[in-house]
Amino acid sequence: MKLLANILVLLVAALHAGFLVLEMFLWTGPIGQRVFKMTPEAAEQTAVLAANQGLYNGFLAAGLVWGVLAARRDVKLFFLACVIAAGVFGAFTASFTILYVQAAPAALALAAVLLANR
């Protein structure tokens, strides 16, 4: 069960590394515009904010990887809780889809981490 939990944590980390790339490097291009349904003008106007958001997603990914590599349950739980909180907040303030894309995978990984250490 610990292996499954770590795989799920690493999948959440991979998602957030992907968010980093999307928000920091692809935001103003066709991929970013398509994913976030933005005009080129809107993408340009929000690029700095998106890059900042991407950096935070990178920190979440790094924390999750750290938790797995250091075999630290407390670190994994903390960063998964942060991802869930960010996902819930994003769902209610930006797009409800964030609940499924960000918070739900983290909640599944959190449950697996909790069950793995019973």
N, C-alpha and C. Protein backbone atom coordinates (compact mmCIF):
# COMPACT_ATOMS: atom_id res chain seq x y z
N MET A 1 0.83 -1.21 0.00
CA MET A 1 0.00 0.00 0.00
C MET A 1 0.87 1.27 0.00
N LYS A 2 2.05 1.19 0.66
CA LYS A 2 2.93 2.36 0.66
C LYS A 2 3.42 2.68 -0.75
N LEU A 3 3.69 1.65 -1.54
CA LEU A 3 4.12 1.88 -2.91
C LEU A 3 3.03 2.58 -3.71
N LEU A 4 1.80 2.11 -3.59
CA LEU A 4 0.68 2.74 -4.28
C LEU A 4 0.52 4.20 -3.83
N ALA A 5 0.62 4.43 -2.54
CA ALA A 5 0.50 5.80 -2.01
C ALA A 5 1.58 6.69 -2.60
N ASN A 6 2.81 6.20 -2.64
CA ASN A 6 3.90 7.01 -3.19
C ASN A 6 3.72 7.26 -4.68
N ILE A 7 3.21 6.28 -5.40
CA ILE A 7 2.95 6.47 -6.82
C ILE A 7 1.89 7.56 -7.02
N LEU A 8 0.84 7.53 -6.21
CA LEU A 8 -0.21 8.55 -6.31
C LEU A 8 0.33 9.94 -5.96
N VAL A 9 1.17 10.01 -4.93
CA VAL A 9 1.78 11.29 -4.55
C VAL A 9 2.64 11.81 -5.71
N LEU A 10 3.42 10.92 -6.32
CA LEU A 10 4.26 11.34 -7.44
C LEU A 10 3.43 11.74 -8.66
N LEU A 11 2.28 11.12 -8.85
CA LEU A 11 1.39 11.53 -9.94
C LEU A 11 0.86 12.95 -9.70
N VAL A 12 0.52 13.25 -8.45
CA VAL A 12 0.08 14.61 -8.13
C VAL A 12 1.23 15.59 -8.35
N ALA A 13 2.44 15.19 -7.96
CA ALA A 13 3.61 16.04 -8.20
C ALA A 13 3.80 16.27 -9.70
N ALA A 14 3.63 15.23 -10.50
CA ALA A 14 3.77 15.36 -11.95
C ALA A 14 2.73 16.31 -12.53
N LEU A 15 1.50 16.22 -12.02
CA LEU A 15 0.46 17.16 -12.45
C LEU A 15 0.90 18.60 -12.19
N HIS A 16 1.44 18.83 -11.01
CA HIS A 16 1.83 20.20 -10.66
C HIS A 16 3.07 20.66 -11.41
N ALA A 17 3.95 19.75 -11.75
CA ALA A 17 5.07 20.10 -12.62
C ALA A 17 4.53 20.49 -14.00
N GLY A 18 3.52 19.77 -14.46
CA GLY A 18 2.88 20.11 -15.72
C GLY A 18 2.19 21.47 -15.66
N PHE A 19 1.55 21.76 -14.53
CA PHE A 19 0.92 23.07 -14.36
C PHE A 19 1.98 24.17 -14.42
N LEU A 20 3.13 23.91 -13.80
CA LEU A 20 4.23 24.87 -13.84
C LEU A 20 4.61 25.18 -15.29
N VAL A 21 4.83 24.15 -16.08
CA VAL A 21 5.21 24.35 -17.48
C VAL A 21 4.12 25.11 -18.24
N LEU A 22 2.89 24.70 -18.05
CA LEU A 22 1.78 25.35 -18.73
C LEU A 22 1.68 26.83 -18.36
N GLU A 23 1.78 27.12 -17.08
CA GLU A 23 1.57 28.49 -16.61
C GLU A 23 2.79 29.39 -16.80
N MET A 24 3.98 28.82 -16.73
CA MET A 24 5.18 29.64 -16.85
C MET A 24 5.69 29.77 -18.29
N PHE A 25 5.49 28.73 -19.10
CA PHE A 25 6.13 28.72 -20.41
C PHE A 25 5.16 28.63 -21.59
N LEU A 26 3.98 28.11 -21.38
CA LEU A 26 3.04 27.91 -22.49
C LEU A 26 1.83 28.83 -22.43
N TRP A 27 1.76 29.66 -21.44
CA TRP A 27 0.58 30.48 -21.17
C TRP A 27 0.15 31.33 -22.37
N THR A 28 1.10 32.01 -22.98
CA THR A 28 0.74 32.94 -24.06
C THR A 28 0.70 32.27 -25.44
N GLY A 29 1.06 31.01 -25.51
CA GLY A 29 1.03 30.29 -26.78
C GLY A 29 -0.32 29.64 -27.03
N PRO A 30 -0.42 28.94 -28.13
CA PRO A 30 -1.71 28.33 -28.49
C PRO A 30 -2.20 27.30 -27.48
N ILE A 31 -1.29 26.57 -26.85
CA ILE A 31 -1.72 25.56 -25.87
C ILE A 31 -2.34 26.24 -24.65
N GLY A 32 -1.65 27.22 -24.10
CA GLY A 32 -2.18 27.93 -22.94
C GLY A 32 -3.49 28.63 -23.23
N GLN A 33 -3.56 29.24 -24.40
CA GLN A 33 -4.80 29.93 -24.77
C GLN A 33 -5.96 28.96 -24.93
N ARG A 34 -5.67 27.79 -25.48
CA ARG A 34 -6.73 26.79 -25.67
C ARG A 34 -7.17 26.21 -24.33
N VAL A 35 -6.22 25.84 -23.49
CA VAL A 35 -6.55 25.22 -22.21
C VAL A 35 -7.37 26.17 -21.34
N PHE A 36 -6.97 27.44 -21.32
CA PHE A 36 -7.63 28.40 -20.44
C PHE A 36 -8.65 29.27 -21.16
N LYS A 37 -8.93 28.93 -22.42
CA LYS A 37 -9.96 29.63 -23.21
C LYS A 37 -9.76 31.15 -23.17
N MET A 38 -8.55 31.58 -23.58
CA MET A 38 -8.20 33.00 -23.54
C MET A 38 -7.89 33.52 -24.94
N THR A 39 -8.11 34.79 -25.11
CA THR A 39 -7.64 35.46 -26.32
C THR A 39 -6.14 35.74 -26.16
N PRO A 40 -5.44 36.00 -27.25
CA PRO A 40 -4.02 36.37 -27.13
C PRO A 40 -3.82 37.60 -26.24
N GLU A 41 -4.73 38.54 -26.32
CA GLU A 41 -4.63 39.75 -25.50
C GLU A 41 -4.75 39.42 -24.01
N ALA A 42 -5.73 38.60 -23.68
CA ALA A 42 -5.91 38.21 -22.27
C ALA A 42 -4.71 37.43 -21.77
N ALA A 43 -4.16 36.57 -22.60
CA ALA A 43 -2.99 35.78 -22.20
C ALA A 43 -1.81 36.70 -21.91
N GLU A 44 -1.58 37.66 -22.77
CA GLU A 44 -0.47 38.61 -22.57
C GLU A 44 -0.66 39.43 -21.29
N GLN A 45 -1.88 39.86 -21.05
CA GLN A 45 -2.16 40.69 -19.88
C GLN A 45 -2.01 39.93 -18.56
N THR A 46 -2.17 38.63 -18.59
CA THR A 46 -2.13 37.83 -17.36
C THR A 46 -0.88 36.96 -17.25
N ALA A 47 0.05 37.09 -18.17
CA ALA A 47 1.21 36.20 -18.22
C ALA A 47 2.05 36.25 -16.94
N VAL A 48 2.26 37.43 -16.39
CA VAL A 48 3.07 37.54 -15.17
C VAL A 48 2.37 36.86 -13.99
N LEU A 49 1.07 37.05 -13.90
CA LEU A 49 0.31 36.39 -12.82
C LEU A 49 0.36 34.87 -12.99
N ALA A 50 0.23 34.40 -14.21
CA ALA A 50 0.27 32.97 -14.47
C ALA A 50 1.64 32.39 -14.13
N ALA A 51 2.70 33.11 -14.46
CA ALA A 51 4.05 32.63 -14.14
C ALA A 51 4.23 32.51 -12.63
N ASN A 52 3.71 33.47 -11.90
CA ASN A 52 3.77 33.41 -10.44
C ASN A 52 3.02 32.19 -9.92
N GLN A 53 1.85 31.97 -10.46
CA GLN A 53 1.04 30.80 -10.09
C GLN A 53 1.78 29.51 -10.44
N GLY A 54 2.42 29.49 -11.59
CA GLY A 54 3.19 28.32 -12.01
C GLY A 54 4.33 28.02 -11.05
N LEU A 55 4.99 29.07 -10.59
CA LEU A 55 6.08 28.88 -9.63
C LEU A 55 5.57 28.23 -8.35
N TYR A 56 4.43 28.67 -7.87
CA TYR A 56 3.84 28.05 -6.67
C TYR A 56 3.50 26.59 -6.92
N ASN A 57 3.00 26.27 -8.10
CA ASN A 57 2.74 24.87 -8.43
C ASN A 57 4.03 24.06 -8.43
N GLY A 58 5.11 24.67 -8.86
CA GLY A 58 6.41 24.00 -8.80
C GLY A 58 6.84 23.71 -7.38
N PHE A 59 6.58 24.64 -6.47
CA PHE A 59 6.90 24.41 -5.06
C PHE A 59 6.09 23.25 -4.50
N LEU A 60 4.82 23.17 -4.88
CA LEU A 60 4.00 22.04 -4.44
C LEU A 60 4.56 20.72 -4.96
N ALA A 61 4.94 20.69 -6.23
CA ALA A 61 5.52 19.48 -6.81
C ALA A 61 6.80 19.10 -6.08
N ALA A 62 7.66 20.08 -5.83
CA ALA A 62 8.93 19.81 -5.14
C ALA A 62 8.69 19.26 -3.74
N GLY A 63 7.72 19.83 -3.04
CA GLY A 63 7.41 19.35 -1.69
C GLY A 63 6.91 17.91 -1.70
N LEU A 64 6.09 17.58 -2.66
CA LEU A 64 5.59 16.20 -2.76
C LEU A 64 6.70 15.22 -3.08
N VAL A 65 7.58 15.59 -3.99
CA VAL A 65 8.72 14.73 -4.32
C VAL A 65 9.63 14.58 -3.10
N TRP A 66 9.87 15.67 -2.41
CA TRP A 66 10.67 15.63 -1.17
C TRP A 66 10.05 14.65 -0.18
N GLY A 67 8.75 14.73 0.00
CA GLY A 67 8.08 13.82 0.94
C GLY A 67 8.28 12.36 0.58
N VAL A 68 8.23 12.04 -0.71
CA VAL A 68 8.42 10.65 -1.15
C VAL A 68 9.88 10.24 -0.98
N LEU A 69 10.80 11.07 -1.46
CA LEU A 69 12.22 10.72 -1.40
C LEU A 69 12.74 10.60 0.03
N ALA A 70 12.25 11.46 0.90
CA ALA A 70 12.68 11.43 2.30
C ALA A 70 11.85 10.47 3.14
N ALA A 71 10.87 9.83 2.51
CA ALA A 71 9.96 8.91 3.22
C ALA A 71 9.36 9.60 4.44
N ARG A 72 8.88 10.82 4.23
CA ARG A 72 8.30 11.61 5.32
C ARG A 72 6.80 11.74 5.13
N ARG A 73 6.08 10.98 5.91
CA ARG A 73 4.61 11.00 5.85
C ARG A 73 4.08 12.39 6.14
N ASP A 74 4.64 13.07 7.14
CA ASP A 74 4.16 14.39 7.52
C ASP A 74 4.33 15.40 6.38
N VAL A 75 5.42 15.30 5.65
CA VAL A 75 5.64 16.21 4.52
C VAL A 75 4.63 15.93 3.41
N LYS A 76 4.42 14.65 3.11
CA LYS A 76 3.43 14.30 2.09
C LYS A 76 2.05 14.81 2.48
N LEU A 77 1.66 14.59 3.72
CA LEU A 77 0.34 15.03 4.18
C LEU A 77 0.20 16.55 4.09
N PHE A 78 1.24 17.26 4.50
CA PHE A 78 1.19 18.73 4.46
C PHE A 78 1.00 19.22 3.03
N PHE A 79 1.84 18.76 2.11
CA PHE A 79 1.76 19.26 0.74
C PHE A 79 0.49 18.79 0.03
N LEU A 80 0.02 17.59 0.32
CA LEU A 80 -1.25 17.16 -0.27
C LEU A 80 -2.40 18.02 0.25
N ALA A 81 -2.36 18.35 1.54
CA ALA A 81 -3.39 19.23 2.10
C ALA A 81 -3.34 20.61 1.44
N CYS A 82 -2.13 21.11 1.17
CA CYS A 82 -1.99 22.39 0.46
C CYS A 82 -2.59 22.31 -0.93
N VAL A 83 -2.34 21.22 -1.63
CA VAL A 83 -2.89 21.04 -2.98
C VAL A 83 -4.42 21.00 -2.92
N ILE A 84 -4.95 20.28 -1.96
CA ILE A 84 -6.41 20.19 -1.82
C ILE A 84 -7.00 21.56 -1.52
N ALA A 85 -6.38 22.29 -0.59
CA ALA A 85 -6.88 23.63 -0.24
C ALA A 85 -6.84 24.55 -1.46
N ALA A 86 -5.74 24.51 -2.22
CA ALA A 86 -5.63 25.34 -3.42
C ALA A 86 -6.67 24.93 -4.45
N GLY A 87 -6.90 23.63 -4.58
CA GLY A 87 -7.88 23.13 -5.54
C GLY A 87 -9.30 23.54 -5.19
N VAL A 88 -9.65 23.45 -3.93
CA VAL A 88 -10.99 23.86 -3.49
C VAL A 88 -11.17 25.36 -3.68
N PHE A 89 -10.16 26.13 -3.30
CA PHE A 89 -10.23 27.57 -3.47
C PHE A 89 -10.38 27.92 -4.96
N GLY A 90 -9.56 27.29 -5.80
CA GLY A 90 -9.63 27.53 -7.23
C GLY A 90 -10.97 27.14 -7.83
N ALA A 91 -11.55 26.07 -7.31
CA ALA A 91 -12.85 25.61 -7.82
C ALA A 91 -13.94 26.65 -7.56
N PHE A 92 -13.85 27.32 -6.43
CA PHE A 92 -14.89 28.28 -6.08
C PHE A 92 -14.61 29.69 -6.58
N THR A 93 -13.34 29.97 -6.95
CA THR A 93 -13.01 31.33 -7.38
C THR A 93 -12.67 31.43 -8.86
N ALA A 94 -12.27 30.33 -9.49
CA ALA A 94 -11.85 30.40 -10.89
C ALA A 94 -12.68 29.48 -11.78
N SER A 95 -12.56 28.17 -11.56
CA SER A 95 -13.28 27.20 -12.39
C SER A 95 -13.52 25.94 -11.58
N PHE A 96 -14.75 25.47 -11.61
CA PHE A 96 -15.10 24.28 -10.83
C PHE A 96 -14.32 23.05 -11.29
N THR A 97 -13.84 23.07 -12.52
CA THR A 97 -13.05 21.96 -13.06
C THR A 97 -11.79 21.71 -12.22
N ILE A 98 -11.27 22.75 -11.59
CA ILE A 98 -10.06 22.61 -10.77
C ILE A 98 -10.28 21.59 -9.65
N LEU A 99 -11.50 21.48 -9.19
CA LEU A 99 -11.79 20.50 -8.14
C LEU A 99 -11.46 19.09 -8.60
N TYR A 100 -11.76 18.79 -9.86
CA TYR A 100 -11.52 17.45 -10.39
C TYR A 100 -10.07 17.26 -10.83
N VAL A 101 -9.49 18.30 -11.40
CA VAL A 101 -8.15 18.19 -11.96
C VAL A 101 -7.07 18.25 -10.88
N GLN A 102 -7.29 19.03 -9.85
CA GLN A 102 -6.26 19.27 -8.84
C GLN A 102 -6.62 18.66 -7.49
N ALA A 103 -7.76 18.99 -6.96
CA ALA A 103 -8.09 18.57 -5.59
C ALA A 103 -8.40 17.08 -5.49
N ALA A 104 -9.14 16.54 -6.43
CA ALA A 104 -9.53 15.12 -6.35
C ALA A 104 -8.33 14.17 -6.39
N PRO A 105 -7.38 14.34 -7.32
CA PRO A 105 -6.21 13.45 -7.28
C PRO A 105 -5.43 13.57 -5.97
N ALA A 106 -5.32 14.78 -5.45
CA ALA A 106 -4.61 14.97 -4.19
C ALA A 106 -5.36 14.32 -3.02
N ALA A 107 -6.68 14.39 -3.04
CA ALA A 107 -7.47 13.75 -2.00
C ALA A 107 -7.32 12.23 -2.05
N LEU A 108 -7.29 11.68 -3.25
CA LEU A 108 -7.06 10.24 -3.40
C LEU A 108 -5.68 9.85 -2.88
N ALA A 109 -4.67 10.64 -3.23
CA ALA A 109 -3.31 10.37 -2.73
C ALA A 109 -3.25 10.52 -1.21
N LEU A 110 -3.92 11.51 -0.68
CA LEU A 110 -3.95 11.73 0.77
C LEU A 110 -4.57 10.53 1.47
N ALA A 111 -5.68 10.03 0.95
CA ALA A 111 -6.32 8.85 1.54
C ALA A 111 -5.38 7.65 1.49
N ALA A 112 -4.68 7.50 0.37
CA ALA A 112 -3.74 6.36 0.24
C ALA A 112 -2.60 6.48 1.24
N VAL A 113 -2.07 7.68 1.43
CA VAL A 113 -0.98 7.89 2.41
C VAL A 113 -1.49 7.57 3.81
N LEU A 114 -2.69 8.03 4.13
CA LEU A 114 -3.25 7.75 5.46
C LEU A 114 -3.48 6.25 5.66
N LEU A 115 -4.01 5.58 4.66
CA LEU A 115 -4.27 4.13 4.76
C LEU A 115 -2.99 3.32 4.79
N ALA A 116 -1.95 3.79 4.13
CA ALA A 116 -0.70 3.04 4.06
C ALA A 116 0.02 2.99 5.39
N ASN A 117 -0.27 3.90 6.25
CA ASN A 117 0.44 3.99 7.53
C ASN A 117 -0.46 3.72 8.72
N ARG A 118 -1.43 2.86 8.52
CA ARG A 118 -2.34 2.53 9.63
C ARG A 118 -1.73 1.53 10.54
